Amino acid sequence: MKRSWIVLSAGLLLLGIVGVAVVTAQPNKGPVLIPGDRPVTEDQVRQKLQSEGWSNVQIMREGSYIEAMGSKNGQTAKLMVDAQTGRLHVVDEDDDD
């Protein structure tokens, strides 16, 4: 009986490890801001936003993300861009990091 519990526990542990590996291996599937799925610079993000009509664009690096703030059509907004892929990251307005 102990042997079956050990085998079951080992199987569940292995399943958990594989599950975590699969979740962390999936790339960010957010909307594309800068096509190419490769690293982007702060200047590329600034130029892209300005070309789309954004004004007062301010850029700040935050870990592996580029945080961009600016105004468009009278509305101020903040975007987080994955610096490794050029994809947008959804910003939770309630998140006070």
C-alpha atoms as a PDB file:
ATOM      1  CA  MET A   1       0.000   0.000   0.000  1.00  0.00           C
ATOM      2  CA  LYS A   2       2.872   2.392   0.810  1.00  0.00           C
ATOM      3  CA  ARG A   3       4.420   1.680  -2.571  1.00  0.00           C
ATOM      4  CA  SER A   4       1.275   2.745  -4.431  1.00  0.00           C
ATOM      5  CA  TRP A   5       1.121   6.009  -2.445  1.00  0.00           C
ATOM      6  CA  ILE A   6       4.760   6.718  -3.279  1.00  0.00           C
ATOM      7  CA  VAL A   7       4.151   6.037  -6.981  1.00  0.00           C
ATOM      8  CA  LEU A   8       0.987   8.165  -6.949  1.00  0.00           C
ATOM      9  CA  SER A   9       2.760  11.026  -5.147  1.00  0.00           C
ATOM     10  CA  ALA A  10       5.704  10.887  -7.551  1.00  0.00           C
ATOM     11  CA  GLY A  11       3.325  10.906 -10.519  1.00  0.00           C
ATOM     12  CA  LEU A  12       1.419  13.915  -9.207  1.00  0.00           C
ATOM     13  CA  LEU A  13       4.677  15.765  -8.520  1.00  0.00           C
ATOM     14  CA  LEU A  14       5.873  15.055 -12.056  1.00  0.00           C
ATOM     15  CA  LEU A  15       2.545  16.169 -13.493  1.00  0.00           C
ATOM     16  CA  GLY A  16       2.767  19.408 -11.504  1.00  0.00           C
ATOM     17  CA  ILE A  17       6.292  20.105 -12.720  1.00  0.00           C
ATOM     18  CA  VAL A  18       5.302  19.487 -16.349  1.00  0.00           C
ATOM     19  CA  GLY A  19       2.248  21.729 -15.918  1.00  0.00           C
ATOM     20  CA  VAL A  20       4.351  24.603 -14.587  1.00  0.00           C
ATOM     21  CA  ALA A  21       6.873  24.153 -17.395  1.00  0.00           C
ATOM     22  CA  VAL A  22       4.142  24.323 -20.041  1.00  0.00           C
ATOM     23  CA  VAL A  23       2.564  27.446 -18.556  1.00  0.00           C
ATOM     24  CA  THR A  24       5.857  29.322 -18.211  1.00  0.00           C
ATOM     25  CA  ALA A  25       7.044  28.275 -21.677  1.00  0.00           C
ATOM     26  CA  GLN A  26       4.081  29.870 -23.451  1.00  0.00           C
ATOM     27  CA  PRO A  27       4.986  33.299 -24.821  1.00  0.00           C
ATOM     28  CA  ASN A  28       2.990  36.405 -24.000  1.00  0.00           C
ATOM     29  CA  LYS A  29       0.097  36.398 -26.451  1.00  0.00           C
ATOM     30  CA  GLY A  30      -0.874  40.032 -25.920  1.00  0.00           C
ATOM     31  CA  PRO A  31      -1.680  42.265 -28.888  1.00  0.00           C
ATOM     32  CA  VAL A  32       1.286  43.201 -31.083  1.00  0.00           C
ATOM     33  CA  LEU A  33       2.455  46.811 -30.820  1.00  0.00           C
ATOM     34  CA  ILE A  34       5.642  46.387 -32.842  1.00  0.00           C
ATOM     35  CA  PRO A  35       5.623  43.406 -35.257  1.00  0.00           C
ATOM     36  CA  GLY A  36       8.499  40.952 -35.394  1.00  0.00           C
ATOM     37  CA  ASP A  37       8.273  39.158 -32.053  1.00  0.00           C
ATOM     38  CA  ARG A  38      11.810  40.262 -31.157  1.00  0.00           C
ATOM     39  CA  PRO A  39      13.377  42.715 -28.690  1.00  0.00           C
ATOM     40  CA  VAL A  40      12.359  46.366 -29.029  1.00  0.00           C
ATOM     41  CA  THR A  41      13.887  49.567 -27.689  1.00  0.00           C
ATOM     42  CA  GLU A  42      12.345  52.453 -25.787  1.00  0.00           C
ATOM     43  CA  ASP A  43      12.909  54.666 -28.824  1.00  0.00           C
ATOM     44  CA  GLN A  44      11.018  52.231 -31.087  1.00  0.00           C
ATOM     45  CA  VAL A  45       8.048  52.286 -28.694  1.00  0.00           C
ATOM     46  CA  ARG A  46       8.101  56.106 -28.543  1.00  0.00           C
ATOM     47  CA  GLN A  47       8.268  56.416 -32.345  1.00  0.00           C
ATOM     48  CA  LYS A  48       5.449  53.889 -32.839  1.00  0.00           C
ATOM     49  CA  LEU A  49       3.115  55.673 -30.422  1.00  0.00           C
ATOM     50  CA  GLN A  50       3.891  59.114 -31.865  1.00  0.00           C
ATOM     51  CA  SER A  51       3.249  57.813 -35.393  1.00  0.00           C
ATOM     52  CA  GLU A  52      -0.183  56.657 -34.178  1.00  0.00           C
ATOM     53  CA  GLY A  53      -1.073  60.118 -32.881  1.00  0.00           C
ATOM     54  CA  TRP A  54       0.045  59.908 -29.251  1.00  0.00           C
ATOM     55  CA  SER A  55       1.466  63.061 -27.676  1.00  0.00           C
ATOM     56  CA  ASN A  56       3.434  63.814 -24.506  1.00  0.00           C
ATOM     57  CA  VAL A  57       4.851  60.285 -24.663  1.00  0.00           C
ATOM     58  CA  GLN A  58       6.962  59.412 -21.633  1.00  0.00           C
ATOM     59  CA  ILE A  59       8.936  56.165 -21.550  1.00  0.00           C
ATOM     60  CA  MET A  60      10.313  54.356 -18.525  1.00  0.00           C
ATOM     61  CA  ARG A  61      11.969  50.949 -18.233  1.00  0.00           C
ATOM     62  CA  GLU A  62      10.432  48.619 -15.630  1.00  0.00           C
ATOM     63  CA  GLY A  63      12.167  45.248 -15.508  1.00  0.00           C
ATOM     64  CA  SER A  64      11.542  43.377 -18.749  1.00  0.00           C
ATOM     65  CA  TYR A  65       8.806  45.839 -19.729  1.00  0.00           C
ATOM     66  CA  ILE A  66       8.786  49.295 -21.237  1.00  0.00           C
ATOM     67  CA  GLU A  67       6.162  51.504 -19.612  1.00  0.00           C
ATOM     68  CA  ALA A  68       4.769  54.196 -21.890  1.00  0.00           C
ATOM     69  CA  MET A  69       2.445  56.993 -20.841  1.00  0.00           C
ATOM     70  CA  GLY A  70       0.883  59.516 -23.149  1.00  0.00           C
ATOM     71  CA  SER A  71      -2.245  61.165 -24.490  1.00  0.00           C
ATOM     72  CA  LYS A  72      -4.388  60.419 -27.504  1.00  0.00           C
ATOM     73  CA  ASN A  73      -7.767  61.932 -28.387  1.00  0.00           C
ATOM     74  CA  GLY A  74      -7.819  63.828 -25.095  1.00  0.00           C
ATOM     75  CA  GLN A  75      -7.352  60.653 -23.027  1.00  0.00           C
ATOM     76  CA  THR A  76      -4.246  59.803 -21.018  1.00  0.00           C
ATOM     77  CA  ALA A  77      -3.231  56.158 -20.918  1.00  0.00           C
ATOM     78  CA  LYS A  78      -0.439  53.881 -19.769  1.00  0.00           C
ATOM     79  CA  LEU A  79       0.825  50.910 -21.771  1.00  0.00           C
ATOM     80  CA  MET A  80       3.240  48.159 -20.799  1.00  0.00           C
ATOM     81  CA  VAL A  81       5.219  46.645 -23.666  1.00  0.00           C
ATOM     82  CA  ASP A  82       7.192  43.420 -23.355  1.00  0.00           C
ATOM     83  CA  ALA A  83      10.696  44.543 -24.364  1.00  0.00           C
ATOM     84  CA  GLN A  84      11.537  41.037 -25.610  1.00  0.00           C
ATOM     85  CA  THR A  85       8.576  40.626 -27.981  1.00  0.00           C
ATOM     86  CA  GLY A  86       7.076  44.053 -28.726  1.00  0.00           C
ATOM     87  CA  ARG A  87       3.682  42.819 -27.501  1.00  0.00           C
ATOM     88  CA  LEU A  88       1.384  44.764 -25.208  1.00  0.00           C
ATOM     89  CA  HIS A  89       0.916  43.622 -21.648  1.00  0.00           C
ATOM     90  CA  VAL A  90      -2.492  44.245 -20.078  1.00  0.00           C
ATOM     91  CA  VAL A  91      -2.145  46.748 -17.234  1.00  0.00           C
ATOM     92  CA  ASP A  92      -4.405  46.220 -14.214  1.00  0.00           C
ATOM     93  CA  GLU A  93      -5.462  49.710 -13.121  1.00  0.00           C
ATOM     94  CA  ASP A  94      -5.913  48.457  -9.539  1.00  0.00           C
ATOM     95  CA  ASP A  95      -2.292  47.241  -9.449  1.00  0.00           C
ATOM     96  CA  ASP A  96      -0.221  49.735  -7.440  1.00  0.00           C
ATOM     97  CA  ASP A  97       3.212  48.164  -7.960  1.00  0.00           C
END
